[in-house]
Amino acid sequence: MVRKIQDLTHNPQVISVAGQLSLTQLAAMIDGAKLFIGVDSAPMHMAAALNTPCVALFGPTKMQHWRPWGNNNTTIWAGDYAPLPTPDSIDTKTKQRYLHAIPVSDVLDAARSYLHG
C-alpha cells in the first residue's frame, strides 16, 4: 500500500520510512515536521500532542472521542461525503474502506491552510 501511494505522487523525491522507525524516532520526525497528514492512529495522536499541525482523516470510527485535541488540527470525516456504517458495526476483516469518500482536494485545501497561512 505504501508503494502504491508513493507511486501516485509522481515525485521521485518522496521517500518512505514505513516500518523503519522506532516510536521515539517517529515522534522526533513528527515533531520536526511542518505538517502531519494521516488517519486516526497513534502517529496522529503524536502529532496532536507535539502540536505539529495536523490534518486527521476519519472514517467510521468514534471521531468525537478519538479526534485530535487542540487547536492546531483539522479533522476531515468521510461521513460528510458518503454514508458510513456505525463504528461498532465495522467488520475489519473485509477490504471495505471508507476514507476514499474524502476528496483529495479537501485534504489539499486543509494542508495548504497550514503551509501557506
PDB file of N, CA and C in Angstrom:
ATOM      1  N   MET A   1       0.819  -1.188   0.000  1.00  0.00           N
ATOM      2  CA  MET A   1       0.000   0.000   0.000  1.00  0.00           C
ATOM      3  C   MET A   1       0.872   1.265   0.000  1.00  0.00           C
ATOM      4  N   VAL A   2       1.940   1.236   0.782  1.00  0.00           N
ATOM      5  CA  VAL A   2       2.835   2.391   0.842  1.00  0.00           C
ATOM      6  C   VAL A   2       3.442   2.659  -0.528  1.00  0.00           C
ATOM      7  N   ARG A   3       3.885   1.614  -1.195  1.00  0.00           N
ATOM      8  CA  ARG A   3       4.486   1.758  -2.529  1.00  0.00           C
ATOM      9  C   ARG A   3       3.488   2.356  -3.510  1.00  0.00           C
ATOM     10  N   LYS A   4       2.246   1.909  -3.446  1.00  0.00           N
ATOM     11  CA  LYS A   4       1.213   2.437  -4.340  1.00  0.00           C
ATOM     12  C   LYS A   4       1.006   3.930  -4.105  1.00  0.00           C
ATOM     13  N   ILE A   5       0.960   4.320  -2.856  1.00  0.00           N
ATOM     14  CA  ILE A   5       0.796   5.746  -2.527  1.00  0.00           C
ATOM     15  C   ILE A   5       1.991   6.538  -3.034  1.00  0.00           C
ATOM     16  N   GLN A   6       3.173   6.010  -2.807  1.00  0.00           N
ATOM     17  CA  GLN A   6       4.389   6.672  -3.287  1.00  0.00           C
ATOM     18  C   GLN A   6       4.362   6.849  -4.799  1.00  0.00           C
ATOM     19  N   ASP A   7       3.981   5.800  -5.505  1.00  0.00           N
ATOM     20  CA  ASP A   7       3.932   5.857  -6.966  1.00  0.00           C
ATOM     21  C   ASP A   7       2.921   6.896  -7.448  1.00  0.00           C
ATOM     22  N   LEU A   8       1.841   7.063  -6.715  1.00  0.00           N
ATOM     23  CA  LEU A   8       0.806   8.021  -7.113  1.00  0.00           C
ATOM     24  C   LEU A   8       1.252   9.476  -6.949  1.00  0.00           C
ATOM     25  N   THR A   9       2.311   9.710  -6.183  1.00  0.00           N
ATOM     26  CA  THR A   9       2.799  11.079  -6.012  1.00  0.00           C
ATOM     27  C   THR A   9       3.521  11.582  -7.252  1.00  0.00           C
ATOM     28  N   HIS A  10       4.037  10.655  -8.065  1.00  0.00           N
ATOM     29  CA  HIS A  10       4.788  11.013  -9.269  1.00  0.00           C
ATOM     30  C   HIS A  10       5.949  11.947  -8.947  1.00  0.00           C
ATOM     31  N   ASN A  11       6.519  11.769  -7.751  1.00  0.00           N
ATOM     32  CA  ASN A  11       7.618  12.611  -7.325  1.00  0.00           C
ATOM     33  C   ASN A  11       8.733  11.715  -6.780  1.00  0.00           C
ATOM     34  N   PRO A  12       9.858  11.640  -7.478  1.00  0.00           N
ATOM     35  CA  PRO A  12      10.939  10.757  -7.035  1.00  0.00           C
ATOM     36  C   PRO A  12      11.581  11.196  -5.721  1.00  0.00           C
ATOM     37  N   GLN A  13      11.312  12.416  -5.279  1.00  0.00           N
ATOM     38  CA  GLN A  13      11.888  12.888  -4.023  1.00  0.00           C
ATOM     39  C   GLN A  13      11.113  12.396  -2.799  1.00  0.00           C
ATOM     40  N   VAL A  14       9.934  11.850  -2.992  1.00  0.00           N
ATOM     41  CA  VAL A  14       9.148  11.317  -1.886  1.00  0.00           C
ATOM     42  C   VAL A  14       9.780  10.003  -1.446  1.00  0.00           C
ATOM     43  N   ILE A  15      10.080   9.914  -0.162  1.00  0.00           N
ATOM     44  CA  ILE A  15      10.666   8.687   0.366  1.00  0.00           C
ATOM     45  C   ILE A  15       9.736   8.103   1.428  1.00  0.00           C
ATOM     46  N   SER A  16       9.887   6.833   1.669  1.00  0.00           N
ATOM     47  CA  SER A  16       9.103   6.152   2.691  1.00  0.00           C
ATOM     48  C   SER A  16      10.021   5.659   3.790  1.00  0.00           C
ATOM     49  N   VAL A  17       9.591   5.860   5.021  1.00  0.00           N
ATOM     50  CA  VAL A  17      10.276   5.290   6.174  1.00  0.00           C
ATOM     51  C   VAL A  17       9.327   4.321   6.892  1.00  0.00           C
ATOM     52  N   ALA A  18       8.308   3.878   6.185  1.00  0.00           N
ATOM     53  CA  ALA A  18       7.316   2.967   6.761  1.00  0.00           C
ATOM     54  C   ALA A  18       7.993   1.724   7.329  1.00  0.00           C
ATOM     55  N   GLY A  19       7.712   1.455   8.588  1.00  0.00           N
ATOM     56  CA  GLY A  19       8.250   0.266   9.237  1.00  0.00           C
ATOM     57  C   GLY A  19       9.710   0.351   9.614  1.00  0.00           C
ATOM     58  N   GLN A  20      10.350   1.499   9.432  1.00  0.00           N
ATOM     59  CA  GLN A  20      11.785   1.623   9.678  1.00  0.00           C
ATOM     60  C   GLN A  20      12.139   2.415  10.933  1.00  0.00           C
ATOM     61  N   LEU A  21      11.136   3.002  11.592  1.00  0.00           N
ATOM     62  CA  LEU A  21      11.407   3.874  12.733  1.00  0.00           C
ATOM     63  C   LEU A  21      10.851   3.296  14.025  1.00  0.00           C
ATOM     64  N   SER A  22      11.564   3.542  15.118  1.00  0.00           N
ATOM     65  CA  SER A  22      11.014   3.230  16.438  1.00  0.00           C
ATOM     66  C   SER A  22       9.971   4.306  16.762  1.00  0.00           C
ATOM     67  N   LEU A  23       9.177   4.102  17.793  1.00  0.00           N
ATOM     68  CA  LEU A  23       8.194   5.124  18.176  1.00  0.00           C
ATOM     69  C   LEU A  23       8.884   6.430  18.566  1.00  0.00           C
ATOM     70  N   THR A  24      10.023   6.337  19.214  1.00  0.00           N
ATOM     71  CA  THR A  24      10.769   7.543  19.586  1.00  0.00           C
ATOM     72  C   THR A  24      11.252   8.282  18.346  1.00  0.00           C
ATOM     73  N   GLN A  25      11.773   7.556  17.372  1.00  0.00           N
ATOM     74  CA  GLN A  25      12.228   8.179  16.125  1.00  0.00           C
ATOM     75  C   GLN A  25      11.054   8.785  15.363  1.00  0.00           C
ATOM     76  N   LEU A  26       9.928   8.071  15.342  1.00  0.00           N
ATOM     77  CA  LEU A  26       8.727   8.588  14.677  1.00  0.00           C
ATOM     78  C   LEU A  26       8.269   9.880  15.341  1.00  0.00           C
ATOM     79  N   ALA A  27       8.263   9.902  16.663  1.00  0.00           N
ATOM     80  CA  ALA A  27       7.871  11.116  17.384  1.00  0.00           C
ATOM     81  C   ALA A  27       8.806  12.278  17.050  1.00  0.00           C
ATOM     82  N   ALA A  28      10.103  12.003  16.962  1.00  0.00           N
ATOM     83  CA  ALA A  28      11.065  13.064  16.618  1.00  0.00           C
ATOM     84  C   ALA A  28      10.815  13.584  15.211  1.00  0.00           C
ATOM     85  N   MET A  29      10.511  12.674  14.294  1.00  0.00           N
ATOM     86  CA  MET A  29      10.234  13.093  12.919  1.00  0.00           C
ATOM     87  C   MET A  29       8.964  13.955  12.860  1.00  0.00           C
ATOM     88  N   ILE A  30       7.928  13.524  13.546  1.00  0.00           N
ATOM     89  CA  ILE A  30       6.676  14.285  13.566  1.00  0.00           C
ATOM     90  C   ILE A  30       6.881  15.634  14.228  1.00  0.00           C
ATOM     91  N   ASP A  31       7.678  15.672  15.288  1.00  0.00           N
ATOM     92  CA  ASP A  31       7.936  16.922  15.999  1.00  0.00           C
ATOM     93  C   ASP A  31       8.639  17.945  15.106  1.00  0.00           C
ATOM     94  N   GLY A  32       9.463  17.475  14.186  1.00  0.00           N
ATOM     95  CA  GLY A  32      10.175  18.380  13.281  1.00  0.00           C
ATOM     96  C   GLY A  32       9.444  18.684  11.993  1.00  0.00           C
ATOM     97  N   ALA A  33       8.273  18.087  11.808  1.00  0.00           N
ATOM     98  CA  ALA A  33       7.529  18.257  10.553  1.00  0.00           C
ATOM     99  C   ALA A  33       6.766  19.581  10.529  1.00  0.00           C
ATOM    100  N   LYS A  34       6.578  20.099   9.335  1.00  0.00           N
ATOM    101  CA  LYS A  34       5.747  21.290   9.157  1.00  0.00           C
ATOM    102  C   LYS A  34       4.268  20.942   9.195  1.00  0.00           C
ATOM    103  N   LEU A  35       3.948  19.682   8.850  1.00  0.00           N
ATOM    104  CA  LEU A  35       2.554  19.251   8.774  1.00  0.00           C
ATOM    105  C   LEU A  35       2.494  17.736   8.846  1.00  0.00           C
ATOM    106  N   PHE A  36       1.492  17.235   9.539  1.00  0.00           N
ATOM    107  CA  PHE A  36       1.202  15.802   9.558  1.00  0.00           C
ATOM    108  C   PHE A  36      -0.156  15.596   8.900  1.00  0.00           C
ATOM    109  N   ILE A  37      -0.220  14.686   7.929  1.00  0.00           N
ATOM    110  CA  ILE A  37      -1.488  14.275   7.328  1.00  0.00           C
ATOM    111  C   ILE A  37      -1.591  12.779   7.555  1.00  0.00           C
ATOM    112  N   GLY A  38      -2.654  12.343   8.185  1.00  0.00           N
ATOM    113  CA  GLY A  38      -2.784  10.921   8.438  1.00  0.00           C
ATOM    114  C   GLY A  38      -4.153  10.542   8.937  1.00  0.00           C
ATOM    115  N   VAL A  39      -4.299   9.267   9.193  1.00  0.00           N
ATOM    116  CA  VAL A  39      -5.574   8.716   9.639  1.00  0.00           C
ATOM    117  C   VAL A  39      -5.586   8.612  11.161  1.00  0.00           C
ATOM    118  N   ASP A  40      -6.735   8.258  11.680  1.00  0.00           N
ATOM    119  CA  ASP A  40      -6.915   8.026  13.103  1.00  0.00           C
ATOM    120  C   ASP A  40      -5.953   6.924  13.541  1.00  0.00           C
ATOM    121  N   SER A  41      -4.870   7.315  14.209  1.00  0.00           N
ATOM    122  CA  SER A  41      -3.795   6.373  14.520  1.00  0.00           C
ATOM    123  C   SER A  41      -2.908   6.951  15.617  1.00  0.00           C
ATOM    124  N   ALA A  42      -2.000   6.133  16.113  1.00  0.00           N
ATOM    125  CA  ALA A  42      -1.045   6.607  17.117  1.00  0.00           C
ATOM    126  C   ALA A  42      -0.208   7.783  16.593  1.00  0.00           C
ATOM    127  N   PRO A  43       0.315   7.725  15.353  1.00  0.00           N
ATOM    128  CA  PRO A  43       1.073   8.880  14.870  1.00  0.00           C
ATOM    129  C   PRO A  43       0.246  10.175  14.828  1.00  0.00           C
ATOM    130  N   MET A  44      -1.044  10.071  14.517  1.00  0.00           N
ATOM    131  CA  MET A  44      -1.903  11.267  14.526  1.00  0.00           C
ATOM    132  C   MET A  44      -1.979  11.845  15.933  1.00  0.00           C
ATOM    133  N   HIS A  45      -2.089  10.976  16.929  1.00  0.00           N
ATOM    134  CA  HIS A  45      -2.134  11.452  18.315  1.00  0.00           C
ATOM    135  C   HIS A  45      -0.795  12.039  18.740  1.00  0.00           C
ATOM    136  N   MET A  46       0.297  11.487  18.224  1.00  0.00           N
ATOM    137  CA  MET A  46       1.621  12.055  18.489  1.00  0.00           C
ATOM    138  C   MET A  46       1.688  13.481  17.938  1.00  0.00           C
ATOM    139  N   ALA A  47       1.220  13.661  16.712  1.00  0.00           N
ATOM    140  CA  ALA A  47       1.250  14.992  16.095  1.00  0.00           C
ATOM    141  C   ALA A  47       0.458  15.990  16.934  1.00  0.00           C
ATOM    142  N   ALA A  48      -0.719  15.588  17.373  1.00  0.00           N
ATOM    143  CA  ALA A  48      -1.539  16.488  18.193  1.00  0.00           C
ATOM    144  C   ALA A  48      -0.830  16.811  19.507  1.00  0.00           C
ATOM    145  N   ALA A  49      -0.251  15.807  20.158  1.00  0.00           N
ATOM    146  CA  ALA A  49       0.442  16.020  21.430  1.00  0.00           C
ATOM    147  C   ALA A  49       1.675  16.904  21.266  1.00  0.00           C
ATOM    148  N   LEU A  50       2.332  16.792  20.110  1.00  0.00           N
ATOM    149  CA  LEU A  50       3.541  17.584  19.845  1.00  0.00           C
ATOM    150  C   LEU A  50       3.219  18.951  19.252  1.00  0.00           C
ATOM    151  N   ASN A  51       1.934  19.227  19.066  1.00  0.00           N
ATOM    152  CA  ASN A  51       1.454  20.488  18.487  1.00  0.00           C
ATOM    153  C   ASN A  51       1.957  20.705  17.066  1.00  0.00           C
ATOM    154  N   THR A  52       2.180  19.602  16.353  1.00  0.00           N
ATOM    155  CA  THR A  52       2.507  19.673  14.932  1.00  0.00           C
ATOM    156  C   THR A  52       1.196  19.869  14.182  1.00  0.00           C
ATOM    157  N   PRO A  53       1.106  20.831  13.272  1.00  0.00           N
ATOM    158  CA  PRO A  53      -0.140  20.989  12.515  1.00  0.00           C
ATOM    159  C   PRO A  53      -0.561  19.641  11.926  1.00  0.00           C
ATOM    160  N   CYS A  54      -1.852  19.358  12.022  1.00  0.00           N
ATOM    161  CA  CYS A  54      -2.325  18.011  11.709  1.00  0.00           C
ATOM    162  C   CYS A  54      -3.628  18.062  10.914  1.00  0.00           C
ATOM    163  N   VAL A  55      -3.662  17.317   9.828  1.00  0.00           N
ATOM    164  CA  VAL A  55      -4.896  17.065   9.081  1.00  0.00           C
ATOM    165  C   VAL A  55      -5.205  15.592   9.319  1.00  0.00           C
ATOM    166  N   ALA A  56      -6.253  15.344  10.094  1.00  0.00           N
ATOM    167  CA  ALA A  56      -6.600  13.982  10.502  1.00  0.00           C
ATOM    168  C   ALA A  56      -7.815  13.505   9.711  1.00  0.00           C
ATOM    169  N   LEU A  57      -7.673  12.346   9.080  1.00  0.00           N
ATOM    170  CA  LEU A  57      -8.734  11.772   8.258  1.00  0.00           C
ATOM    171  C   LEU A  57      -9.434  10.665   9.038  1.00  0.00           C
ATOM    172  N   PHE A  58     -10.753  10.751   9.105  1.00  0.00           N
ATOM    173  CA  PHE A  58     -11.536   9.786   9.865  1.00  0.00           C
ATOM    174  C   PHE A  58     -12.580   9.124   8.993  1.00  0.00           C
ATOM    175  N   GLY A  59     -12.694   7.840   9.157  1.00  0.00           N
ATOM    176  CA  GLY A  59     -13.775   7.057   8.558  1.00  0.00           C
ATOM    177  C   GLY A  59     -14.806   6.789   9.627  1.00  0.00           C
ATOM    178  N   PRO A  60     -15.367   5.579   9.655  1.00  0.00           N
ATOM    179  CA  PRO A  60     -16.438   5.273  10.604  1.00  0.00           C
ATOM    180  C   PRO A  60     -15.916   4.864  11.988  1.00  0.00           C
ATOM    181  N   THR A  61     -15.132   5.730  12.601  1.00  0.00           N
ATOM    182  CA  THR A  61     -14.693   5.493  13.971  1.00  0.00           C
ATOM    183  C   THR A  61     -15.404   6.485  14.872  1.00  0.00           C
ATOM    184  N   LYS A  62     -15.191   6.392  16.131  1.00  0.00           N
ATOM    185  CA  LYS A  62     -15.828   7.307  17.082  1.00  0.00           C
ATOM    186  C   LYS A  62     -15.029   8.605  17.102  1.00  0.00           C
ATOM    187  N   MET A  63     -15.260   9.400  16.074  1.00  0.00           N
ATOM    188  CA  MET A  63     -14.460  10.598  15.840  1.00  0.00           C
ATOM    189  C   MET A  63     -14.505  11.571  17.017  1.00  0.00           C
ATOM    190  N   GLN A  64     -15.674  11.785  17.600  1.00  0.00           N
ATOM    191  CA  GLN A  64     -15.759  12.755  18.691  1.00  0.00           C
ATOM    192  C   GLN A  64     -14.923  12.320  19.893  1.00  0.00           C
ATOM    193  N   HIS A  65     -14.720  11.029  20.013  1.00  0.00           N
ATOM    194  CA  HIS A  65     -13.918  10.511  21.123  1.00  0.00           C
ATOM    195  C   HIS A  65     -12.432  10.479  20.776  1.00  0.00           C
ATOM    196  N   TRP A  66     -12.097  10.137  19.526  1.00  0.00           N
ATOM    197  CA  TRP A  66     -10.711   9.902  19.134  1.00  0.00           C
ATOM    198  C   TRP A  66     -10.071  11.018  18.324  1.00  0.00           C
ATOM    199  N   ARG A  67     -10.804  12.067  18.012  1.00  0.00           N
ATOM    200  CA  ARG A  67     -10.235  13.155  17.219  1.00  0.00           C
ATOM    201  C   ARG A  67      -9.065  13.791  17.959  1.00  0.00           C
ATOM    202  N   PRO A  68      -8.155  14.413  17.230  1.00  0.00           N
ATOM    203  CA  PRO A  68      -7.035  15.070  17.914  1.00  0.00           C
ATOM    204  C   PRO A  68      -7.543  16.290  18.673  1.00  0.00           C
ATOM    205  N   TRP A  69      -7.069  16.449  19.865  1.00  0.00           N
ATOM    206  CA  TRP A  69      -7.455  17.597  20.672  1.00  0.00           C
ATOM    207  C   TRP A  69      -6.487  18.732  20.416  1.00  0.00           C
ATOM    208  N   GLY A  70      -6.939  19.933  20.675  1.00  0.00           N
ATOM    209  CA  GLY A  70      -6.104  21.105  20.482  1.00  0.00           C
ATOM    210  C   GLY A  70      -6.612  21.945  19.321  1.00  0.00           C
ATOM    211  N   ASN A  71      -5.928  23.023  19.089  1.00  0.00           N
ATOM    212  CA  ASN A  71      -6.350  23.984  18.070  1.00  0.00           C
ATOM    213  C   ASN A  71      -5.518  23.943  16.806  1.00  0.00           C
ATOM    214  N   ASN A  72      -4.523  23.087  16.758  1.00  0.00           N
ATOM    215  CA  ASN A  72      -3.601  23.079  15.632  1.00  0.00           C
ATOM    216  C   ASN A  72      -3.868  21.903  14.697  1.00  0.00           C
ATOM    217  N   ASN A  73      -5.163  21.600  14.505  1.00  0.00           N
ATOM    218  CA  ASN A  73      -5.507  20.469  13.662  1.00  0.00           C
ATOM    219  C   ASN A  73      -6.837  20.686  12.959  1.00  0.00           C
ATOM    220  N   THR A  74      -7.001  19.933  11.889  1.00  0.00           N
ATOM    221  CA  THR A  74      -8.256  19.895  11.132  1.00  0.00           C
ATOM    222  C   THR A  74      -8.650  18.437  11.013  1.00  0.00           C
ATOM    223  N   THR A  75      -9.909  18.156  11.311  1.00  0.00           N
ATOM    224  CA  THR A  75     -10.419  16.796  11.191  1.00  0.00           C
ATOM    225  C   THR A  75     -11.344  16.739   9.987  1.00  0.00           C
ATOM    226  N   ILE A  76     -11.116  15.783   9.121  1.00  0.00           N
ATOM    227  CA  ILE A  76     -11.963  15.582   7.945  1.00  0.00           C
ATOM    228  C   ILE A  76     -12.613  14.215   8.088  1.00  0.00           C
ATOM    229  N   TRP A  77     -13.939  14.196   8.091  1.00  0.00           N
ATOM    230  CA  TRP A  77     -14.708  12.983   8.331  1.00  0.00           C
ATOM    231  C   TRP A  77     -15.343  12.489   7.036  1.00  0.00           C
ATOM    232  N   ALA A  78     -15.095  11.249   6.690  1.00  0.00           N
ATOM    233  CA  ALA A  78     -15.654  10.650   5.469  1.00  0.00           C
ATOM    234  C   ALA A  78     -17.179  10.694   5.465  1.00  0.00           C
ATOM    235  N   GLY A  79     -17.792  10.711   6.645  1.00  0.00           N
ATOM    236  CA  GLY A  79     -19.253  10.769   6.753  1.00  0.00           C
ATOM    237  C   GLY A  79     -19.854  12.061   6.232  1.00  0.00           C
ATOM    238  N   ASP A  80     -19.037  13.081   6.047  1.00  0.00           N
ATOM    239  CA  ASP A  80     -19.530  14.324   5.427  1.00  0.00           C
ATOM    240  C   ASP A  80     -19.690  14.169   3.918  1.00  0.00           C
ATOM    241  N   TYR A  81     -19.174  13.074   3.353  1.00  0.00           N
ATOM    242  CA  TYR A  81     -19.165  12.883   1.907  1.00  0.00           C
ATOM    243  C   TYR A  81     -19.938  11.651   1.445  1.00  0.00           C
ATOM    244  N   ALA A  82     -20.130  10.708   2.331  1.00  0.00           N
ATOM    245  CA  ALA A  82     -20.808   9.458   1.962  1.00  0.00           C
ATOM    246  C   ALA A  82     -21.379   8.811   3.221  1.00  0.00           C
ATOM    247  N   PRO A  83     -22.378   7.970   3.048  1.00  0.00           N
ATOM    248  CA  PRO A  83     -22.911   7.259   4.220  1.00  0.00           C
ATOM    249  C   PRO A  83     -21.866   6.306   4.798  1.00  0.00           C
ATOM    250  N   LEU A  84     -21.828   6.237   6.120  1.00  0.00           N
ATOM    251  CA  LEU A  84     -20.898   5.347   6.806  1.00  0.00           C
ATOM    252  C   LEU A  84     -21.672   4.438   7.757  1.00  0.00           C
ATOM    253  N   PRO A  85     -21.172   3.236   7.963  1.00  0.00           N
ATOM    254  CA  PRO A  85     -21.789   2.377   8.974  1.00  0.00           C
ATOM    255  C   PRO A  85     -21.450   2.908  10.366  1.00  0.00           C
ATOM    256  N   THR A  86     -22.164   2.454  11.358  1.00  0.00           N
ATOM    257  CA  THR A  86     -21.842   2.856  12.720  1.00  0.00           C
ATOM    258  C   THR A  86     -20.505   2.236  13.117  1.00  0.00           C
ATOM    259  N   PRO A  87     -19.758   2.905  13.976  1.00  0.00           N
ATOM    260  CA  PRO A  87     -18.435   2.395  14.347  1.00  0.00           C
ATOM    261  C   PRO A  87     -18.448   0.976  14.916  1.00  0.00           C
ATOM    262  N   ASP A  88     -19.453   0.639  15.689  1.00  0.00           N
ATOM    263  CA  ASP A  88     -19.478  -0.679  16.320  1.00  0.00           C
ATOM    264  C   ASP A  88     -19.884  -1.793  15.364  1.00  0.00           C
ATOM    265  N   SER A  89     -20.303  -1.441  14.151  1.00  0.00           N
ATOM    266  CA  SER A  89     -20.720  -2.481  13.204  1.00  0.00           C
ATOM    267  C   SER A  89     -19.671  -2.773  12.127  1.00  0.00           C
ATOM    268  N   ILE A  90     -18.504  -2.183  12.217  1.00  0.00           N
ATOM    269  CA  ILE A  90     -17.457  -2.349  11.203  1.00  0.00           C
ATOM    270  C   ILE A  90     -16.853  -3.750  11.273  1.00  0.00           C
ATOM    271  N   ASP A  91     -16.738  -4.369  10.123  1.00  0.00           N
ATOM    272  CA  ASP A  91     -16.048  -5.648  10.005  1.00  0.00           C
ATOM    273  C   ASP A  91     -14.654  -5.353   9.463  1.00  0.00           C
ATOM    274  N   THR A  92     -13.664  -5.368  10.322  1.00  0.00           N
ATOM    275  CA  THR A  92     -12.301  -5.015   9.911  1.00  0.00           C
ATOM    276  C   THR A  92     -11.614  -6.126   9.123  1.00  0.00           C
ATOM    277  N   LYS A  93     -12.258  -7.248   8.980  1.00  0.00           N
ATOM    278  CA  LYS A  93     -11.652  -8.356   8.231  1.00  0.00           C
ATOM    279  C   LYS A  93     -11.983  -8.285   6.733  1.00  0.00           C
ATOM    280  N   THR A  94     -12.726  -7.264   6.325  1.00  0.00           N
ATOM    281  CA  THR A  94     -13.040  -7.094   4.908  1.00  0.00           C
ATOM    282  C   THR A  94     -12.088  -6.067   4.298  1.00  0.00           C
ATOM    283  N   LYS A  95     -12.108  -5.955   2.990  1.00  0.00           N
ATOM    284  CA  LYS A  95     -11.285  -4.952   2.308  1.00  0.00           C
ATOM    285  C   LYS A  95     -12.025  -3.627   2.155  1.00  0.00           C
ATOM    286  N   GLN A  96     -13.255  -3.550   2.629  1.00  0.00           N
ATOM    287  CA  GLN A  96     -14.052  -2.328   2.517  1.00  0.00           C
ATOM    288  C   GLN A  96     -13.445  -1.237   3.389  1.00  0.00           C
ATOM    289  N   ARG A  97     -13.149  -0.122   2.776  1.00  0.00           N
ATOM    290  CA  ARG A  97     -12.634   1.042   3.485  1.00  0.00           C
ATOM    291  C   ARG A  97     -13.467   2.245   3.061  1.00  0.00           C
ATOM    292  N   TYR A  98     -13.472   3.259   3.889  1.00  0.00           N
ATOM    293  CA  TYR A  98     -14.394   4.368   3.668  1.00  0.00           C
ATOM    294  C   TYR A  98     -13.702   5.712   3.441  1.00  0.00           C
ATOM    295  N   LEU A  99     -12.412   5.783   3.666  1.00  0.00           N
ATOM    296  CA  LEU A  99     -11.709   7.063   3.517  1.00  0.00           C
ATOM    297  C   LEU A  99     -11.671   7.548   2.077  1.00  0.00           C
ATOM    298  N   HIS A 100     -11.860   6.631   1.120  1.00  0.00           N
ATOM    299  CA  HIS A 100     -11.844   7.054  -0.291  1.00  0.00           C
ATOM    300  C   HIS A 100     -12.951   8.069  -0.591  1.00  0.00           C
ATOM    301  N   ALA A 101     -13.931   8.184   0.289  1.00  0.00           N
ATOM    302  CA  ALA A 101     -15.009   9.158   0.085  1.00  0.00           C
ATOM    303  C   ALA A 101     -14.518  10.595   0.272  1.00  0.00           C
ATOM    304  N   ILE A 102     -13.410  10.765   0.962  1.00  0.00           N
ATOM    305  CA  ILE A 102     -12.884  12.119   1.209  1.00  0.00           C
ATOM    306  C   ILE A 102     -12.185  12.615  -0.045  1.00  0.00           C
ATOM    307  N   PRO A 103     -12.633  13.742  -0.595  1.00  0.00           N
ATOM    308  CA  PRO A 103     -11.983  14.275  -1.801  1.00  0.00           C
ATOM    309  C   PRO A 103     -10.542  14.729  -1.513  1.00  0.00           C
ATOM    310  N   VAL A 104      -9.643  14.358  -2.374  1.00  0.00           N
ATOM    311  CA  VAL A 104      -8.247  14.775  -2.246  1.00  0.00           C
ATOM    312  C   VAL A 104      -8.163  16.296  -2.188  1.00  0.00           C
ATOM    313  N   SER A 105      -8.999  16.963  -2.945  1.00  0.00           N
ATOM    314  CA  SER A 105      -8.956  18.432  -2.971  1.00  0.00           C
ATOM    315  C   SER A 105      -9.220  19.030  -1.588  1.00  0.00           C
ATOM    316  N   ASP A 106     -10.084  18.408  -0.792  1.00  0.00           N
ATOM    317  CA  ASP A 106     -10.353  18.922   0.555  1.00  0.00           C
ATOM    318  C   ASP A 106      -9.153  18.712   1.479  1.00  0.00           C
ATOM    319  N   VAL A 107      -8.468  17.592   1.308  1.00  0.00           N
ATOM    320  CA  VAL A 107      -7.259  17.342   2.095  1.00  0.00           C
ATOM    321  C   VAL A 107      -6.183  18.351   1.706  1.00  0.00           C
ATOM    322  N   LEU A 108      -6.024  18.575   0.414  1.00  0.00           N
ATOM    323  CA  LEU A 108      -5.033  19.553  -0.053  1.00  0.00           C
ATOM    324  C   LEU A 108      -5.357  20.956   0.431  1.00  0.00           C
ATOM    325  N   ASP A 109      -6.626  21.340   0.393  1.00  0.00           N
ATOM    326  CA  ASP A 109      -7.018  22.662   0.891  1.00  0.00           C
ATOM    327  C   ASP A 109      -6.671  22.819   2.367  1.00  0.00           C
ATOM    328  N   ALA A 110      -6.951  21.786   3.168  1.00  0.00           N
ATOM    329  CA  ALA A 110      -6.627  21.833   4.588  1.00  0.00           C
ATOM    330  C   ALA A 110      -5.122  21.934   4.792  1.00  0.00           C
ATOM    331  N   ALA A 111      -4.366  21.134   4.038  1.00  0.00           N
ATOM    332  CA  ALA A 111      -2.911  21.164   4.138  1.00  0.00           C
ATOM    333  C   ALA A 111      -2.365  22.542   3.770  1.00  0.00           C
ATOM    334  N   ARG A 112      -2.857  23.093   2.694  1.00  0.00           N
ATOM    335  CA  ARG A 112      -2.386  24.401   2.238  1.00  0.00           C
ATOM    336  C   ARG A 112      -2.679  25.490   3.273  1.00  0.00           C
ATOM    337  N   SER A 113      -3.787  25.351   3.994  1.00  0.00           N
ATOM    338  CA  SER A 113      -4.129  26.370   5.001  1.00  0.00           C
ATOM    339  C   SER A 113      -3.070  26.422   6.109  1.00  0.00           C
ATOM    340  N   TYR A 114      -2.428  25.308   6.376  1.00  0.00           N
ATOM    341  CA  TYR A 114      -1.344  25.290   7.390  1.00  0.00           C
ATOM    342  C   TYR A 114      -0.013  25.718   6.776  1.00  0.00           C
ATOM    343  N   LEU A 115       0.231  25.311   5.556  1.00  0.00           N
ATOM    344  CA  LEU A 115       1.536  25.570   4.947  1.00  0.00           C
ATOM    345  C   LEU A 115       1.682  26.983   4.398  1.00  0.00           C
ATOM    346  N   HIS A 116       0.551  27.572   4.004  1.00  0.00           N
ATOM    347  CA  HIS A 116       0.615  28.898   3.397  1.00  0.00           C
ATOM    348  C   HIS A 116      -0.098  29.951   4.231  1.00  0.00           C
ATOM    349  N   GLY A 117      -0.533  29.570   5.413  1.00  0.00           N
ATOM    350  CA  GLY A 117      -1.165  30.510   6.345  1.00  0.00           C
ATOM    351  C   GLY A 117      -2.459  30.951   5.861  1.00  0.00           C
TER     352      GLY A 117
END
